[in-house]
Structures are given as structure tokens and as C-alpha cells.
Protein backbone atom coordinates (compact mmCIF):
# COMPACT_ATOMS: atom_id res chain seq x y z
CA MET A 1 13.91 4.32 32.98
CA THR A 2 16.28 2.16 34.70
CA GLU A 3 19.68 3.22 35.46
CA ASP A 4 21.57 0.80 33.25
CA SER A 5 19.41 2.11 30.23
CA PRO A 6 21.74 4.14 28.12
CA ILE A 7 19.53 7.31 27.47
CA ILE A 8 21.59 10.20 26.68
CA GLY A 9 20.27 13.65 27.55
CA VAL A 10 21.83 16.78 25.91
CA GLY A 11 20.37 20.19 27.18
CA SER A 12 20.14 22.81 29.99
CA LEU A 13 18.28 23.47 33.11
CA GLN A 14 16.59 26.85 33.17
CA ALA A 15 15.12 28.10 36.57
CA GLN A 16 12.08 30.18 36.30
CA SER A 17 10.12 31.16 39.60
CA ALA A 18 11.40 28.40 41.33
CA THR A 19 10.67 26.26 38.73
CA ILE A 20 13.06 24.00 37.00
CA GLN A 21 12.44 23.16 33.20
CA ALA A 22 14.45 20.87 31.20
CA THR A 23 15.16 21.87 27.85
CA GLY A 24 17.25 20.34 25.23
CA ARG A 25 17.67 17.37 22.97
CA VAL A 26 16.94 13.45 24.14
CA ILE A 27 18.51 10.92 22.07
CA ALA A 28 17.02 7.22 22.87
CA ASN A 29 19.55 4.48 22.29
CA PHE A 30 17.46 2.05 20.27
CA ALA A 31 20.16 -0.28 19.35
CA TRP A 32 20.46 -1.15 23.07
CA GLN A 33 16.71 -1.76 23.31
CA HIS A 34 16.84 -4.04 20.27
CA MET A 35 19.56 -6.20 21.77
CA LYS A 36 17.75 -6.43 24.89
CA SER A 37 14.49 -7.26 23.44
CA ALA A 38 16.40 -10.07 20.96
CA ARG A 39 17.94 -11.89 24.19
CA LEU A 40 14.29 -11.60 25.91
CA PHE A 41 12.54 -13.13 22.96
CA ASN A 42 15.34 -15.79 23.09
CA SER A 43 14.65 -16.79 26.67
CA HIS A 44 11.07 -17.32 25.90
CA VAL A 45 12.04 -19.67 22.96
CA SER A 46 13.98 -21.45 25.21
CA LYS A 47 11.59 -21.97 28.10
CA ILE A 48 8.86 -23.28 25.93
CA GLU A 49 11.09 -25.61 24.11
CA ALA A 50 12.15 -27.04 27.64
CA ALA A 51 8.58 -27.05 28.68
CA THR A 52 7.34 -29.06 25.59
CA SER A 53 10.56 -31.13 25.13
CA GLY A 54 9.38 -34.57 23.49
CA GLN A 55 6.18 -33.60 22.42
CA GLY A 56 4.94 -33.61 19.03
CA PHE A 57 4.16 -30.49 16.93
CA GLY A 58 1.57 -28.60 18.63
CA PRO A 59 -0.46 -25.17 19.17
CA PHE A 60 2.49 -24.01 21.12
CA PHE A 61 4.71 -23.87 18.17
CA GLU A 62 2.95 -20.66 17.29
CA ASP A 63 4.48 -19.08 20.28
CA ILE A 64 7.78 -20.42 19.46
CA ARG A 65 7.59 -19.02 16.18
CA SER A 66 6.48 -15.44 17.39
CA TYR A 67 9.27 -15.34 19.68
CA ALA A 68 12.11 -16.74 17.55
CA SER A 69 11.38 -14.81 14.76
CA ALA A 70 11.06 -11.53 16.94
CA SER A 71 14.23 -12.38 18.32
CA ILE A 72 15.90 -12.80 14.95
CA MET A 73 14.41 -9.55 13.56
CA ALA A 74 15.65 -7.62 16.73
CA SER A 75 19.18 -8.98 16.44
CA ALA A 76 19.58 -7.34 13.02
CA ALA A 77 17.52 -4.43 14.07
CA ALA A 78 20.18 -3.87 16.64
CA LEU A 79 23.03 -3.95 14.35
CA GLU A 80 21.38 -1.55 11.97
CA ALA A 81 20.59 0.93 14.88
CA LEU A 82 23.88 0.68 16.21
CA ILE A 83 25.82 2.12 13.30
CA ASN A 84 23.01 4.96 12.55
CA GLU A 85 23.44 5.91 16.26
CA LEU A 86 27.06 5.97 15.85
CA PHE A 87 27.06 8.00 12.54
CA ILE A 88 24.47 10.52 14.01
CA ASP A 89 25.96 11.12 17.55
CA HIS A 90 26.67 14.74 17.67
CA GLU A 91 29.98 14.46 19.51
CA GLY A 92 31.12 11.45 17.58
CA LYS A 93 34.04 11.04 15.76
CA LEU A 94 32.11 9.63 12.67
CA ARG A 95 29.82 12.80 12.48
CA LYS A 96 32.96 14.87 12.52
CA SER A 97 34.33 13.24 9.63
CA PHE A 98 32.02 14.80 7.46
CA GLN A 99 32.47 18.20 5.99
CA ASP A 100 28.38 18.62 5.40
CA PHE A 101 26.87 15.85 7.46
CA GLU A 102 23.14 16.88 6.29
CA VAL A 103 24.21 16.13 2.55
CA GLU A 104 26.71 13.33 2.81
CA PHE A 105 24.80 11.27 5.52
CA TRP A 106 21.07 12.22 4.76
CA GLY A 107 21.22 13.28 1.06
CA THR A 108 19.89 11.14 -1.91
CA SER A 109 23.34 9.61 -2.44
CA GLY A 110 24.11 9.83 1.33
CA VAL A 111 25.48 7.01 3.95
CA GLU A 112 22.30 6.45 5.32
CA ARG A 113 20.85 4.79 2.05
CA LEU A 114 23.66 2.20 2.31
CA SER A 115 22.85 -1.38 3.50
CA ILE A 116 23.93 -2.17 7.01
CA LEU A 117 27.25 -3.83 6.37
CA ARG A 118 28.07 -0.94 3.89
CA LYS A 119 27.58 1.49 6.56
CA PHE A 120 29.87 -0.41 8.98
CA GLN A 121 32.65 -0.38 6.10
CA THR A 122 32.22 2.89 5.56
CA ALA A 123 32.68 4.02 9.11
CA LEU A 124 35.83 2.00 9.07
CA LEU A 125 37.19 3.64 6.08
CA ARG A 126 36.20 7.26 7.56
CA LEU A 127 38.32 6.38 10.54
CA ASN A 128 41.14 5.44 8.30
CA GLU A 129 40.81 1.85 9.62
CA PRO A 130 40.86 -1.07 7.45
CA ALA A 131 37.35 -2.40 6.32
CA PHE A 132 36.36 -6.03 6.74
CA ASP A 133 37.39 -8.72 4.22
CA PRO A 134 34.01 -9.65 2.63
CA ASN A 135 35.26 -13.20 3.08
CA ASP A 136 36.16 -12.89 6.64
CA PRO A 137 33.81 -15.39 8.57
CA ILE A 138 32.72 -12.66 11.15
CA PHE A 139 31.45 -10.50 8.22
CA LEU A 140 29.79 -13.56 6.45
CA VAL A 141 28.07 -14.75 9.52
CA ALA A 142 26.55 -11.23 10.23
CA ASP A 143 25.45 -10.91 6.64
CA ALA A 144 23.77 -14.24 6.93
CA ALA A 145 21.79 -13.09 10.26
CA ILE A 146 20.70 -9.96 8.24
CA GLN A 147 19.48 -11.96 5.23
CA LEU A 148 17.55 -14.47 7.73
CA ARG A 149 16.08 -11.33 8.89
CA ASN A 150 15.10 -10.00 5.62
CA MET A 151 13.62 -13.36 4.38
CA LEU A 152 11.44 -13.19 7.41
CA VAL A 153 10.41 -9.50 7.01
CA HIS A 154 9.76 -10.16 3.31
CA TYR A 155 8.61 -13.64 3.53
CA LYS A 156 7.54 -15.13 0.14
CA PRO A 157 6.71 -18.69 -0.23
CA THR A 158 9.49 -20.90 -1.38
CA TRP A 159 7.85 -21.15 -5.10
CA ASP A 160 8.47 -17.41 -5.79
CA PRO A 161 11.41 -16.00 -7.48
CA ASP A 162 13.56 -15.58 -4.48
CA ARG A 163 14.35 -19.22 -4.13
CA LYS A 164 17.94 -19.30 -5.50
CA ALA A 165 18.92 -16.62 -2.89
CA LYS A 166 17.06 -18.67 -0.08
CA ALA A 167 18.59 -21.79 -1.37
CA ASP A 168 21.82 -20.43 -0.93
CA LEU A 169 21.24 -19.01 2.76
CA VAL A 170 19.89 -22.55 3.66
CA ASN A 171 23.16 -23.97 2.63
CA TYR A 172 25.00 -21.51 4.49
CA LEU A 173 22.94 -21.86 7.67
CA ASP A 174 22.29 -25.42 7.93
CA GLY A 175 24.31 -27.29 10.60
CA ARG A 176 25.22 -23.80 12.10
CA PHE A 177 22.87 -24.30 14.85
CA ALA A 178 20.04 -26.61 16.34
CA LEU A 179 16.89 -26.56 14.45
CA SER A 180 13.48 -26.83 15.97
CA PRO A 181 12.53 -30.50 16.75
CA PHE A 182 8.84 -30.06 16.25
CA PRO A 183 8.42 -29.57 12.52
CA ASP A 184 8.65 -32.52 10.24
CA GLN A 185 11.57 -32.95 7.98
CA GLY A 186 9.49 -31.64 4.88
CA ALA A 187 8.97 -28.27 6.69
CA ASP A 188 10.12 -24.96 5.31
CA PHE A 189 13.66 -24.53 6.77
CA ILE A 190 13.48 -20.73 7.17
CA SER A 191 9.99 -20.23 8.50
CA MET A 192 9.69 -23.41 10.43
CA LYS A 193 12.86 -25.20 11.18
CA CYS A 194 15.00 -21.86 12.09
CA MET A 195 12.30 -21.30 14.62
CA SER A 196 14.52 -22.51 17.59
CA SER A 197 16.39 -21.44 20.42
CA GLY A 198 19.56 -22.60 18.69
CA CYS A 199 18.88 -20.28 15.97
CA THR A 200 18.09 -17.19 17.77
CA ALA A 201 21.01 -17.78 19.97
CA TRP A 202 23.25 -18.00 16.91
CA ALA A 203 21.73 -14.51 15.33
CA ILE A 204 22.53 -12.70 18.49
CA GLU A 205 26.01 -14.20 18.77
CA SER A 206 26.64 -13.49 15.36
CA VAL A 207 25.79 -9.59 15.86
CA VAL A 208 28.01 -9.55 19.35
CA ALA A 209 30.74 -11.15 17.25
CA PHE A 210 30.63 -8.52 14.43
CA VAL A 211 30.24 -5.47 16.54
CA THR A 212 33.01 -6.89 18.88
CA LYS A 213 35.48 -6.90 15.99
CA PHE A 214 34.19 -3.58 14.58
CA ASN A 215 35.08 -1.94 17.81
CA GLN A 216 38.29 -3.32 17.88
CA ARG A 217 39.25 -1.30 15.10
CA ALA A 218 36.67 1.77 15.27
CA LYS A 219 37.25 2.53 18.99
CA LEU A 220 34.34 4.98 18.75
CA ASP A 221 32.30 4.67 22.10
CA GLU A 222 33.54 2.15 24.42
CA LYS A 223 30.66 2.40 27.14
CA LYS A 224 27.98 2.54 24.39
CA ILE A 225 29.48 -0.44 22.91
CA ASN A 226 29.84 -2.41 26.04
CA ALA A 227 26.30 -1.61 27.06
CA PHE A 228 24.97 -2.84 23.64
CA LEU A 229 26.94 -6.06 23.83
CA HIS A 230 25.64 -6.81 27.20
CA ALA A 231 22.21 -5.71 26.93
CA GLY A 232 19.71 -8.04 28.18
CA ALA A 233 22.45 -10.49 29.15
């Protein structure tokens, strides 16, 4: 465990016959870990791209796609883990806003079952802060990063029934970042052209921008949010 890794320990120390035993609850901050992973994988994509610049499509692209897809997935996972951690924090304002946390958060109709961005919207409303306008560019770009993650996690070939949703996402993403120079023009946009350091950097920046704006309203845990925003930077 490194000193900058924000692991929160809650518990007490008991001395028994000159032996100190740690007891209590340890909460791992995995949102921070996901964000650090996203930046680490992004750096690997950048290094391979630099080393293979000017080359045609080759076996090295398998490594690029492994790191790029992992970075995109980790970025969205970081966003989801963060809002879950903020809700569950035993000392946080969000948890205390529930009358019955077990039912209202974990129950069959609870907050835990909401989509990622709806959880953020719900958090703001519980804090008596204005929710995001769904047409806010910051909200839209975060939603696109999550959709891109979903397209990769639940990947289907383009001829399957998700093609309209995929086409809409492609139209939104096209032109927002540098695509991979290695696949040919006819290659699949999501699974091939988006496998670039430009796309992974965009996904990370999208999450950072959204969380920054959310925190300006929520003001929940400055130390935790600051560590998240700079994890792996």
C-alpha cells in the first residue's frame, strides 16, 4: 500500500498480552484505483503508438487494443465506483440523507439499481443542489464515455440489433479525438478506430470534467475527490 493510496481504515486497537490486534472495518477506495489504471493503460497506448509510428497495421495493434479498451472501461468504472463510494460512506452526507439506507439504497427499488448518471443526479437532488441539465455538454460527454464502455463490454457485431444506438454514438464521437492511424478506412469505428491514445485520453478527460463539475455542486469530500481526479497523473 502506498502513502498516496486513499485507503480508509475504521476500527480500534486492542492490546492483549503485549500483542496489538487491529479490528474494525477497512474500506478500499477502488474509484481511485480505476482512475489510476485508466491513466496507466493510456500511457501504454501512447508508448506503443510512438514506437510504431509510420508503420502499417500489424500484430502490435493487439496490444494497443488491449490497453485502449482497458483504459476506456476503467474510466467508466471509476465514475461508477466513485458515486457508489460517496453514497455508502458511513460518515458522508449522502448516506445520512436516507431514513432507511438499507431499503432506500440497497432495496429492490433502491438507488443502487439506477444507472451511473442517474445516481449522480439523485445525489445532487438529495443534497438540495440542482441536477445536471441532460443537454449540458459535460453531461453528454460523460454519457458518451459510458456508452462507449458499454459497447465494448457488451460488444456485438455491427449487424446485430444495436446498430442504431451504435450509429448514434459514432456520430457523436467522430471528430472529438484522434482515431487510430493503423486500421484501414473500412474498419469498425468502435472496436478498431477508437483504439487510440486520443480516445483513451478523451474518456479520462470526460470523466474528470464531469466529476469536477459535480463536486462544485455537491461539495462532499474534497480530499477524496482531489485524489480521484489526480490518480495516476
